[in-house]
Structure formats: structure tokens, C-alpha cells
Amino acid sequence: MTDCLFCKIANHEIDAKIVYEDERAVAFRDINPKAPTHVLLIPRTHVATLNDLSEEHEADVGHLFVAAAKVAQAEGLSERGYRTVINCGAEAGQSVFHVHLHLLGGQPLGWPPFPRH
């Protein structure tokens, strides 16, 4: 997808503070963090929302969680704890329509994670 912000980040066409990348995933710092550590992990394959996933995407999306564990370890969060969140659709808070996993940590996290203001 040529006009997708996250695809452009994955392809190094737009600068981002990348903290991890491999053949399937890219992880970078959120520009509007909700916690001291707020990293977005994306599959290199473009899929707009969770609703658009099919069996062909299982390995890529499942790999996001493996990559998240590596990022959490590198960020010093593995023992402390962290949260992973995937929003699906505008009402859930998805603003970029490329599947992405939020990794949040570095402070105690309440519940619900993102209440209305």
C-alpha cells in the first residue's frame, strides 16, 4: 500500500525511532506516548484491521507478540510487567489503518486501559 504511514515507516521512507526490526515486523516509538514506554509493532505486510486478517496473516500477526516480548526485554519491562493492545476500528481508537500492536509499560497501568475523558 503506497499511502500507508506505517508501510512507509517499515520501508524507511519516513523517519521513526525504530527500536526493533526483523523480516516480519518493525517496532517504533509512538509519537504520542500514553506511558513511559509506548512502542508500536507492525507487520511488514499491510493489513488494515483485525477484521481483514485471514489464515495467510497468522504467522505475521502472531510474530508481533514474539517481537513484543523481545522489545519488552530490551526495555527492561519483562519482570515489571507491560500491556499489549490491538485496537480494531475507529471507535476502538484505531487511527492508522495498518494492524499494529501497542506495547505499554514503565509505570503501573490501570484498568480500563483507555477510559473516556
Protein backbone atom coordinates (compact mmCIF):
# COMPACT_ATOMS: atom_id res chain seq x y z
CA MET A 1 0.00 0.00 0.00
CA THR A 2 1.67 3.19 -1.16
CA ASP A 3 -0.13 5.78 1.00
CA CYS A 4 0.04 3.95 4.36
CA LEU A 5 2.03 5.80 7.02
CA PHE A 6 3.13 2.59 8.75
CA CYS A 7 4.14 0.93 5.48
CA LYS A 8 6.32 3.97 4.78
CA ILE A 9 7.92 3.65 8.23
CA ALA A 10 8.53 -0.08 7.65
CA ASN A 11 10.16 0.74 4.31
CA HIS A 12 12.30 3.52 5.88
CA GLU A 13 10.61 6.15 3.71
CA ILE A 14 9.55 8.09 6.82
CA ASP A 15 11.76 8.51 9.88
CA ALA A 16 10.71 6.89 13.11
CA LYS A 17 12.51 5.89 16.28
CA ILE A 18 12.80 2.22 15.38
CA VAL A 19 13.68 0.01 18.35
CA TYR A 20 13.43 -3.41 16.66
CA GLU A 21 13.00 -4.87 13.22
CA ASP A 22 13.29 -8.20 11.50
CA GLU A 23 11.96 -9.79 8.32
CA ARG A 24 8.36 -9.83 9.58
CA ALA A 25 7.95 -6.90 11.98
CA VAL A 26 9.03 -3.36 12.79
CA ALA A 27 8.76 -1.74 16.22
CA PHE A 28 9.00 2.00 16.80
CA ARG A 29 8.20 4.53 19.50
CA ASP A 30 4.72 6.06 19.46
CA ILE A 31 4.84 9.81 18.75
CA ASN A 32 2.06 10.39 21.31
CA PRO A 33 3.01 8.03 24.15
CA LYS A 34 0.45 7.00 26.78
CA ALA A 35 3.10 5.51 29.10
CA PRO A 36 6.85 5.96 29.65
CA THR A 37 7.37 3.08 27.21
CA HIS A 38 4.93 3.08 24.30
CA VAL A 39 6.10 1.15 21.27
CA LEU A 40 4.07 0.22 18.19
CA LEU A 41 4.76 -3.10 16.50
CA ILE A 42 3.57 -3.64 12.94
CA PRO A 43 3.75 -6.50 10.49
CA ARG A 44 5.64 -5.62 7.33
CA THR A 45 2.65 -6.99 5.42
CA HIS A 46 -0.12 -4.40 5.12
CA VAL A 47 -3.44 -5.44 6.66
CA ALA A 48 -5.82 -2.61 7.57
CA THR A 49 -7.63 -4.05 10.62
CA LEU A 50 -8.05 -7.27 12.54
CA ASN A 51 -11.26 -7.76 10.54
CA ASP A 52 -9.16 -8.06 7.38
CA LEU A 53 -6.97 -10.88 8.65
CA SER A 54 -7.03 -14.33 7.08
CA GLU A 55 -5.08 -17.52 7.63
CA GLU A 56 -2.28 -16.19 5.41
CA HIS A 57 -1.57 -13.50 8.03
CA GLU A 58 -1.34 -15.80 11.06
CA ALA A 59 2.45 -16.06 11.10
CA ASP A 60 2.98 -12.31 10.66
CA VAL A 61 0.47 -11.21 13.29
CA GLY A 62 1.46 -13.96 15.72
CA HIS A 63 5.06 -12.86 15.29
CA LEU A 64 4.14 -9.41 16.64
CA PHE A 65 3.81 -10.98 20.10
CA VAL A 66 7.22 -12.68 19.84
CA ALA A 67 8.72 -9.35 18.80
CA ALA A 68 6.84 -7.57 21.62
CA ALA A 69 8.43 -9.91 24.17
CA LYS A 70 11.88 -9.09 22.74
CA VAL A 71 11.18 -5.35 22.88
CA ALA A 72 9.83 -5.65 26.43
CA GLN A 73 13.01 -7.47 27.46
CA ALA A 74 15.21 -4.81 25.83
CA GLU A 75 13.19 -2.03 27.51
CA GLY A 76 13.51 -3.63 30.96
CA LEU A 77 9.81 -4.44 31.23
CA SER A 78 9.79 -8.24 31.27
CA GLU A 79 9.94 -8.57 35.04
CA ARG A 80 7.98 -5.40 35.84
CA GLY A 81 5.09 -6.09 33.50
CA TYR A 82 3.65 -4.50 30.39
CA ARG A 83 0.48 -4.41 28.36
CA THR A 84 -0.20 -5.21 24.71
CA VAL A 85 -3.24 -3.77 22.95
CA ILE A 86 -4.58 -4.03 19.40
CA ASN A 87 -7.40 -1.64 18.50
CA CYS A 88 -9.78 -2.56 15.68
CA GLY A 89 -11.69 0.27 14.05
CA ALA A 90 -12.20 3.95 14.71
CA GLU A 91 -14.47 3.56 17.75
CA ALA A 92 -11.82 1.37 19.42
CA GLY A 93 -9.22 4.08 18.86
CA GLN A 94 -7.52 2.84 15.70
CA SER A 95 -6.30 5.92 13.86
CA VAL A 96 -3.84 4.34 11.41
CA PHE A 97 -5.39 1.55 9.39
CA HIS A 98 -2.48 -0.88 9.39
CA VAL A 99 -2.73 -3.57 12.08
CA HIS A 100 -0.47 -2.58 14.98
CA LEU A 101 0.16 -3.76 18.49
CA HIS A 102 0.76 -1.22 21.27
CA LEU A 103 3.30 -2.22 23.91
CA LEU A 104 2.91 -0.06 27.02
CA GLY A 105 4.82 -0.09 30.29
CA GLY A 106 7.20 1.67 32.60
CA GLN A 107 4.52 2.61 35.15
CA PRO A 108 1.60 0.91 36.90
CA LEU A 109 -1.22 0.60 34.37
CA GLY A 110 -4.84 0.92 35.47
CA TRP A 111 -7.97 -0.70 34.10
CA PRO A 112 -9.77 0.03 31.88
CA PRO A 113 -6.72 0.93 29.82
CA PHE A 114 -8.08 3.98 27.98
CA PRO A 115 -11.20 5.40 29.63
CA ARG A 116 -13.20 8.20 28.03
CA HIS A 117 -12.21 11.69 29.10
